Amino acid sequence: MVAFFLSFIGAILLSSALTMLLTVSMMWTLSGEGINSILPTLIIMFSGMIVPLPLFPEWSKPLLNALPFSGLVDQPFRQITTASFFTILSFTILKRDKN
């Protein structure tokens, strides 16, 4: 559970950093409409919001792991599902041992 909270805080910090980069890049362009429409689409696609990252082809996984977008949704989700899986498994084993 501690790993989830740490990854959740990391996701918040990463989201703030990406928002700041978006804002700064819009300041240096003539029109921020292009950046404002492309970057959120990339973030939604490559963070695992639409398609989970393990379902992408094997050749694209090194690129997806190198991009910072997986830290927004995929990593915190993996931390909480792994923790809940092991919690359910341990309760199941303990319950079976009592019977």
Protein backbone atom coordinates (compact mmCIF):
# COMPACT_ATOMS: atom_id res chain seq x y z
CA MET A 1 0.00 0.00 0.00
CA VAL A 2 2.94 2.30 0.68
CA ALA A 3 4.20 1.68 -2.87
CA PHE A 4 0.83 2.79 -4.24
CA PHE A 5 0.88 6.05 -2.30
CA LEU A 6 4.43 6.76 -3.42
CA SER A 7 3.55 6.05 -7.06
CA PHE A 8 0.39 8.16 -6.69
CA ILE A 9 2.41 11.11 -5.40
CA GLY A 10 4.88 10.55 -8.22
CA ALA A 11 2.02 10.57 -10.73
CA ILE A 12 0.77 13.88 -9.35
CA LEU A 13 4.25 15.40 -9.60
CA LEU A 14 4.70 14.03 -13.13
CA SER A 15 1.31 15.43 -14.16
CA SER A 16 2.27 18.82 -12.78
CA ALA A 17 5.58 18.74 -14.66
CA LEU A 18 3.88 17.80 -17.94
CA THR A 19 1.32 20.57 -17.46
CA MET A 20 4.11 23.05 -16.83
CA LEU A 21 5.95 21.91 -19.99
CA LEU A 22 2.73 22.30 -21.96
CA THR A 23 2.22 25.81 -20.61
CA VAL A 24 5.81 26.88 -21.27
CA SER A 25 5.77 25.46 -24.80
CA MET A 26 2.54 27.32 -25.54
CA MET A 27 4.25 30.55 -24.50
CA TRP A 28 6.95 30.13 -27.14
CA THR A 29 4.70 29.22 -30.08
CA LEU A 30 2.54 31.53 -32.15
CA SER A 31 -0.58 29.52 -31.48
CA GLY A 32 -0.93 27.01 -28.69
CA GLU A 33 -3.85 25.20 -30.31
CA GLY A 34 -1.68 22.52 -31.94
CA ILE A 35 0.22 21.65 -28.79
CA ASN A 36 -2.94 21.87 -26.73
CA SER A 37 -4.66 19.31 -28.96
CA ILE A 38 -1.79 16.90 -29.68
CA LEU A 39 -0.18 16.48 -26.25
CA PRO A 40 -3.34 15.48 -24.31
CA THR A 41 -4.12 12.93 -27.03
CA LEU A 42 -0.62 11.46 -26.72
CA ILE A 43 -0.89 11.38 -22.94
CA ILE A 44 -4.27 9.61 -23.03
CA MET A 45 -3.05 7.06 -25.57
CA PHE A 46 0.39 6.27 -24.15
CA SER A 47 -0.42 6.38 -20.42
CA GLY A 48 -2.69 3.35 -20.53
CA MET A 49 -6.02 5.16 -20.14
CA ILE A 50 -7.57 3.74 -23.30
CA VAL A 51 -5.53 0.60 -23.95
CA PRO A 52 -3.55 -0.94 -21.07
CA LEU A 53 0.17 -0.85 -21.78
CA PRO A 54 0.68 -4.65 -21.53
CA LEU A 55 -1.66 -5.05 -24.53
CA PHE A 56 0.61 -3.04 -26.84
CA PRO A 57 2.88 -5.00 -29.23
CA GLU A 58 6.21 -6.21 -27.88
CA TRP A 59 8.23 -3.99 -30.22
CA SER A 60 6.62 -0.83 -28.78
CA LYS A 61 7.08 -1.67 -25.07
CA PRO A 62 10.66 -0.32 -24.80
CA LEU A 63 9.44 3.01 -26.19
CA LEU A 64 6.41 3.07 -23.89
CA ASN A 65 8.59 2.34 -20.87
CA ALA A 66 10.98 5.13 -21.85
CA LEU A 67 8.19 7.70 -22.13
CA PRO A 68 7.08 9.36 -18.89
CA PHE A 69 3.39 8.85 -19.64
CA SER A 70 3.25 5.37 -18.09
CA GLY A 71 3.83 6.93 -14.68
CA LEU A 72 0.52 8.78 -14.86
CA VAL A 73 -1.90 5.86 -14.94
CA ASP A 74 -0.20 2.53 -15.57
CA GLN A 75 2.33 2.43 -12.72
CA PRO A 76 -0.06 3.50 -9.90
CA PHE A 77 -2.71 1.11 -11.22
CA ARG A 78 -0.22 -1.76 -11.25
CA GLN A 79 0.82 -0.96 -7.68
CA ILE A 80 -2.73 -1.01 -6.33
CA THR A 81 -3.80 -4.12 -8.27
CA THR A 82 -0.68 -6.02 -7.24
CA ALA A 83 -1.17 -5.06 -3.60
CA SER A 84 -4.86 -5.99 -3.67
CA PHE A 85 -4.09 -9.29 -5.43
CA PHE A 86 -1.59 -10.31 -2.75
CA THR A 87 -3.95 -9.17 0.00
CA ILE A 88 -6.80 -11.29 -1.40
CA LEU A 89 -4.45 -14.22 -1.89
CA SER A 90 -3.15 -14.01 1.68
CA PHE A 91 -6.69 -13.79 3.11
CA THR A 92 -7.72 -16.78 1.01
CA ILE A 93 -4.75 -18.82 2.24
CA LEU A 94 -5.33 -17.80 5.87
CA LYS A 95 -9.03 -18.63 5.65
CA ARG A 96 -8.28 -22.04 4.14
CA ASP A 97 -5.76 -22.77 6.92
CA LYS A 98 -8.37 -22.07 9.61
CA ASN A 99 -10.81 -24.59 8.12
